[in-house]
Structures are given as structure tokens and as C-alpha cells.
Amino acid sequence: MIKMEKVSAVILAGGKNRRMGCDKTLLEYGGMTFFDRINTELEIFSEILISIDQTARYPALNGKIIIDKQTDCGPLSGLSKALDICSSDWLFVIAVDLPLFTRKLAELLYTKTNKEFDAVIPSTRDGRLHPLCAFYHKRNLPIIESQMEAGNYRVMDAITRMKVHEVKLGDTDLQDEILGNINTPEDYKNLKEKYEKH
């Protein structure tokens, strides 16, 4: 296990959960909530931040809670705040709705960080990038802030302005399911049926 000395991570847990209809942070899988599962996998990091939109919703979360700079602006707002206050040059970002995530992916991505790139982002075998499970350098903050000031809150638009190193899961022994996010009750039902033993 790699210990991420002086490397920060942030769990993006401030979503509105409109499609799910309930708080995804507290959904359970394998006997743990989504949040607790991810938080446990991130124990290799020296600093763990939790990005939310209001503290009242999460009175029991353990970690350094940060509040989104702007409300209703999606994950880019949480990423902006985390990059602003994190204590390291590189920040690992992960959405709370990735219950199959394991630290092995974070360790792999970290080995690809270097001064030549602004971000290290994994892609699945269908060629899709997954920017909400990725490393970002602190120098990306002005890019993100300027985009938000222009009223554009799309994460994919922000990364087009960065020098990105793509890590293809197809070139590793990791499966695409590790990046499967849970957005709807149907997604959650399928997760439970496929991966949990009854």
C-alpha cells in the first residue's frame, strides 16, 4: 500500500441527488454507506476533505468539511474550493457515488502525476473520461475559477483547457466497474443485485 504523504483528497458529496430521490452519501453497500466506503479507501491520503453544500445535511461526517463556493453549480464548485484550500500541490477528487472504487486506482493514478501534466484522469474501455475520479494540480484553480465566473459549470469543458494524462483502464488489470457511478434507484438496485450476496 502506498502512503500518500503530503497529498490531499476530496470527496464530492454535495450533489442534489435529483435522479436518485434520496441522499446518495448515506446509501449502503456491503454493510457500509457509500461515504464510509470511500472514506476508508482514502485513508492512504494525508489530508481528506469533504465537499458539501450545507453542513446541516451531514451532521455525522468525520473529516474536514468544506462548503461549496457557490450553490447549484455542480461538482466544479466543490473542486474549486478544494483546490483553493488543500495543503498539497496535487488533489485527488472522487465523487461519493462510486461505491466500487478502491484505493488501487488512486495509487495507480498517483504514479502518473508529474510536472508535465495538469491532471491525471482515468478512462474506461468505451473511451469515456471520468474526471470525478482523478488527480488535479493546484495550478488549475485559475482555469476553473475563470470558467465559473463566465457561468460555465461543466467539468468536461474545464479539462479541455488542461494538459491531461489519460490512464486507460483497458491497459491495466482494473475493471471498468470501479468507475461505475450510481445515479438512479435502478442503478442502485442493479448494484445490489449484481455485487451483493444474498
Protein backbone atom coordinates (compact mmCIF):
# COMPACT_ATOMS: atom_id res chain seq x y z
CA MET A 1 0.00 0.00 0.00
CA ILE A 2 1.29 3.42 -1.00
CA LYS A 3 1.05 6.12 1.68
CA MET A 4 0.17 9.45 0.09
CA GLU A 5 2.37 11.70 2.21
CA LYS A 6 1.50 15.37 1.75
CA VAL A 7 -1.20 14.56 -0.81
CA SER A 8 -4.81 15.68 -0.42
CA ALA A 9 -8.09 14.09 -1.44
CA VAL A 10 -11.62 15.44 -1.57
CA ILE A 11 -14.91 13.54 -1.54
CA LEU A 12 -17.54 15.40 -3.55
CA ALA A 13 -20.71 14.87 -1.53
CA GLY A 14 -22.72 18.00 -2.26
CA GLY A 15 -24.94 16.77 -5.08
CA LYS A 16 -28.67 17.41 -5.19
CA ASN A 17 -29.49 13.73 -5.84
CA ARG A 18 -32.44 14.68 -8.01
CA ARG A 19 -32.48 11.47 -10.05
CA MET A 20 -31.91 9.24 -7.02
CA GLY A 21 -34.56 10.93 -4.88
CA CYS A 22 -32.55 10.46 -1.68
CA ASP A 23 -29.11 11.24 -0.27
CA LYS A 24 -26.61 9.00 -2.08
CA THR A 25 -24.00 9.66 0.60
CA LEU A 26 -25.95 7.53 3.05
CA LEU A 27 -26.88 4.67 0.70
CA GLU A 28 -25.48 1.35 1.89
CA TYR A 29 -23.47 -1.23 0.02
CA GLY A 30 -21.59 -4.14 1.54
CA GLY A 31 -22.61 -3.12 5.05
CA MET A 32 -21.24 0.41 4.77
CA THR A 33 -22.55 3.71 3.48
CA PHE A 34 -21.14 4.99 0.19
CA PHE A 35 -19.39 7.75 2.12
CA ASP A 36 -17.80 5.43 4.67
CA ARG A 37 -16.60 3.05 1.95
CA ILE A 38 -14.83 5.80 0.03
CA ASN A 39 -13.52 7.47 3.17
CA THR A 40 -11.95 4.16 4.21
CA GLU A 41 -10.29 3.71 0.82
CA LEU A 42 -8.82 7.22 1.11
CA GLU A 43 -7.00 6.53 4.38
CA ILE A 44 -3.76 6.44 2.38
CA PHE A 45 -4.00 10.23 1.92
CA SER A 46 -2.54 12.66 4.45
CA GLU A 47 -5.49 15.08 4.11
CA ILE A 48 -9.13 14.24 3.37
CA LEU A 49 -11.62 17.00 2.59
CA ILE A 50 -15.37 16.58 2.31
CA SER A 51 -17.11 18.93 -0.10
CA ILE A 52 -20.77 19.56 0.68
CA ASP A 53 -23.32 22.30 0.03
CA GLN A 54 -24.59 22.69 3.59
CA THR A 55 -23.42 21.32 6.94
CA ALA A 56 -26.91 20.70 8.29
CA ARG A 57 -27.40 17.76 5.93
CA TYR A 58 -24.37 15.87 7.21
CA PRO A 59 -24.03 16.27 10.98
CA ALA A 60 -22.18 12.96 11.46
CA LEU A 61 -19.47 13.06 8.78
CA ASN A 62 -15.91 12.72 10.06
CA GLY A 63 -13.36 14.80 8.20
CA LYS A 64 -12.53 18.34 7.22
CA ILE A 65 -15.76 19.69 5.81
CA ILE A 66 -15.65 22.41 3.18
CA ILE A 67 -18.66 24.25 1.79
CA ASP A 68 -19.07 24.85 -1.95
CA LYS A 69 -18.15 28.36 -3.05
CA GLN A 70 -21.40 28.62 -4.99
CA THR A 71 -24.61 26.62 -4.66
CA ASP A 72 -26.31 24.80 -7.53
CA CYS A 73 -23.13 24.88 -9.62
CA GLY A 74 -22.36 21.18 -9.65
CA PRO A 75 -19.07 19.44 -8.83
CA LEU A 76 -16.92 22.17 -10.36
CA SER A 77 -17.71 24.38 -7.38
CA GLY A 78 -16.53 21.74 -4.94
CA LEU A 79 -13.39 21.13 -6.97
CA SER A 80 -12.64 24.86 -6.99
CA LYS A 81 -12.95 25.19 -3.22
CA ALA A 82 -10.91 22.06 -2.57
CA LEU A 83 -8.06 23.19 -4.84
CA ASP A 84 -8.11 26.56 -3.14
CA ILE A 85 -7.69 25.25 0.41
CA CYS A 86 -5.92 21.89 0.05
CA SER A 87 -2.45 21.70 1.56
CA SER A 88 -0.80 19.86 -1.34
CA ASP A 89 0.07 20.55 -4.97
CA TRP A 90 -1.91 17.53 -6.18
CA LEU A 91 -5.51 16.84 -5.20
CA PHE A 92 -7.36 13.57 -5.73
CA VAL A 93 -11.04 14.15 -6.47
CA ILE A 94 -13.72 11.49 -6.13
CA ALA A 95 -17.49 11.62 -6.28
CA VAL A 96 -19.32 9.95 -3.41
CA ASP A 97 -21.46 7.82 -5.75
CA LEU A 98 -18.65 5.44 -6.81
CA PRO A 99 -19.13 2.58 -4.31
CA LEU A 100 -16.88 0.13 -6.20
CA PHE A 101 -13.87 2.45 -6.09
CA THR A 102 -10.74 1.06 -4.45
CA ARG A 103 -7.52 2.73 -3.39
CA LYS A 104 -5.65 0.69 -6.02
CA LEU A 105 -6.95 3.07 -8.68
CA ALA A 106 -5.86 6.15 -6.73
CA GLU A 107 -2.41 4.62 -6.26
CA LEU A 108 -2.12 3.91 -9.99
CA LEU A 109 -3.18 7.42 -10.97
CA TYR A 110 -0.78 8.97 -8.48
CA THR A 111 2.17 7.20 -10.10
CA LYS A 112 1.36 9.13 -13.30
CA THR A 113 1.41 12.61 -11.74
CA ASN A 114 4.32 14.80 -12.77
CA LYS A 115 5.09 18.40 -13.67
CA GLU A 116 4.28 17.82 -17.35
CA PHE A 117 0.56 17.38 -16.68
CA ASP A 118 -2.20 19.42 -15.06
CA ALA A 119 -4.47 16.42 -14.47
CA VAL A 120 -4.39 12.63 -14.47
CA ILE A 121 -7.76 11.17 -15.45
CA PRO A 122 -8.82 7.54 -15.99
CA SER A 123 -10.88 6.34 -18.92
CA THR A 124 -12.99 3.21 -19.30
CA ARG A 125 -12.83 0.80 -22.20
CA ASP A 126 -15.51 2.75 -24.08
CA GLY A 127 -13.10 5.69 -24.25
CA ARG A 128 -15.01 7.80 -21.74
CA LEU A 129 -13.02 10.00 -19.37
CA HIS A 130 -14.01 10.06 -15.70
CA PRO A 131 -13.00 13.49 -14.36
CA LEU A 132 -14.64 12.95 -10.95
CA CYS A 133 -12.15 10.24 -10.00
CA ALA A 134 -8.90 11.95 -10.91
CA PHE A 135 -5.90 13.97 -9.80
CA TYR A 136 -5.72 17.74 -10.40
CA HIS A 137 -2.79 20.07 -9.83
CA LYS A 138 -3.36 23.21 -7.79
CA ARG A 139 -2.35 25.36 -10.78
CA ASN A 140 -5.72 24.51 -12.36
CA LEU A 141 -7.53 26.78 -9.91
CA PRO A 142 -7.42 29.93 -12.11
CA ILE A 143 -8.77 27.93 -15.06
CA ILE A 144 -11.71 26.67 -13.05
CA GLU A 145 -12.45 29.98 -11.38
CA SER A 146 -12.44 31.90 -14.67
CA GLN A 147 -14.78 29.37 -16.23
CA MET A 148 -17.18 29.59 -13.30
CA GLU A 149 -17.13 33.37 -13.45
CA ALA A 150 -18.23 33.04 -17.08
CA GLY A 151 -21.19 30.94 -15.94
CA ASN A 152 -19.91 27.64 -17.33
CA TYR A 153 -20.01 24.85 -14.73
CA ARG A 154 -19.18 21.88 -16.95
CA VAL A 155 -16.24 19.86 -15.66
CA MET A 156 -15.57 18.43 -19.13
CA ASP A 157 -15.18 21.94 -20.54
CA ALA A 158 -12.67 22.79 -17.83
CA ILE A 159 -10.43 19.81 -18.56
CA THR A 160 -10.20 20.77 -22.24
CA ARG A 161 -8.08 23.69 -21.01
CA MET A 162 -5.72 21.43 -19.09
CA LYS A 163 -2.86 19.20 -20.15
CA VAL A 164 -4.35 15.82 -19.28
CA HIS A 165 -2.66 12.46 -18.93
CA GLU A 166 -5.26 9.80 -19.71
CA VAL A 167 -4.90 6.48 -17.91
CA LYS A 168 -6.75 3.77 -19.83
CA LEU A 169 -8.17 1.08 -17.59
CA GLY A 170 -8.05 -1.23 -20.59
CA ASP A 171 -4.26 -1.16 -20.28
CA THR A 172 -4.42 -2.26 -16.62
CA ASP A 173 -5.86 -5.15 -14.62
CA LEU A 174 -8.59 -2.88 -13.21
CA GLN A 175 -12.14 -3.33 -14.46
CA ASP A 176 -14.43 -0.54 -15.69
CA GLU A 177 -16.91 -1.26 -12.88
CA ILE A 178 -14.58 0.51 -10.46
CA LEU A 179 -15.79 3.78 -12.02
CA GLY A 180 -19.47 2.90 -12.14
CA ASN A 181 -21.50 5.69 -10.55
CA ILE A 182 -24.94 5.29 -9.02
CA ASN A 183 -27.40 7.95 -10.18
CA THR A 184 -30.85 6.36 -10.05
CA PRO A 185 -32.84 3.88 -7.97
CA GLU A 186 -32.44 1.42 -10.86
CA ASP A 187 -28.65 1.82 -10.75
CA TYR A 188 -28.71 1.14 -7.03
CA LYS A 189 -30.93 -1.91 -7.44
CA ASN A 190 -28.62 -3.33 -10.12
CA LEU A 191 -25.58 -2.72 -7.90
CA LYS A 192 -27.13 -4.63 -5.03
CA GLU A 193 -28.30 -7.50 -7.22
CA LYS A 194 -25.01 -7.89 -9.08
CA TYR A 195 -22.42 -7.44 -6.38
CA GLU A 196 -24.00 -8.31 -3.05
CA LYS A 197 -24.52 -11.90 -1.96
CA HIS A 198 -27.93 -12.75 -0.59
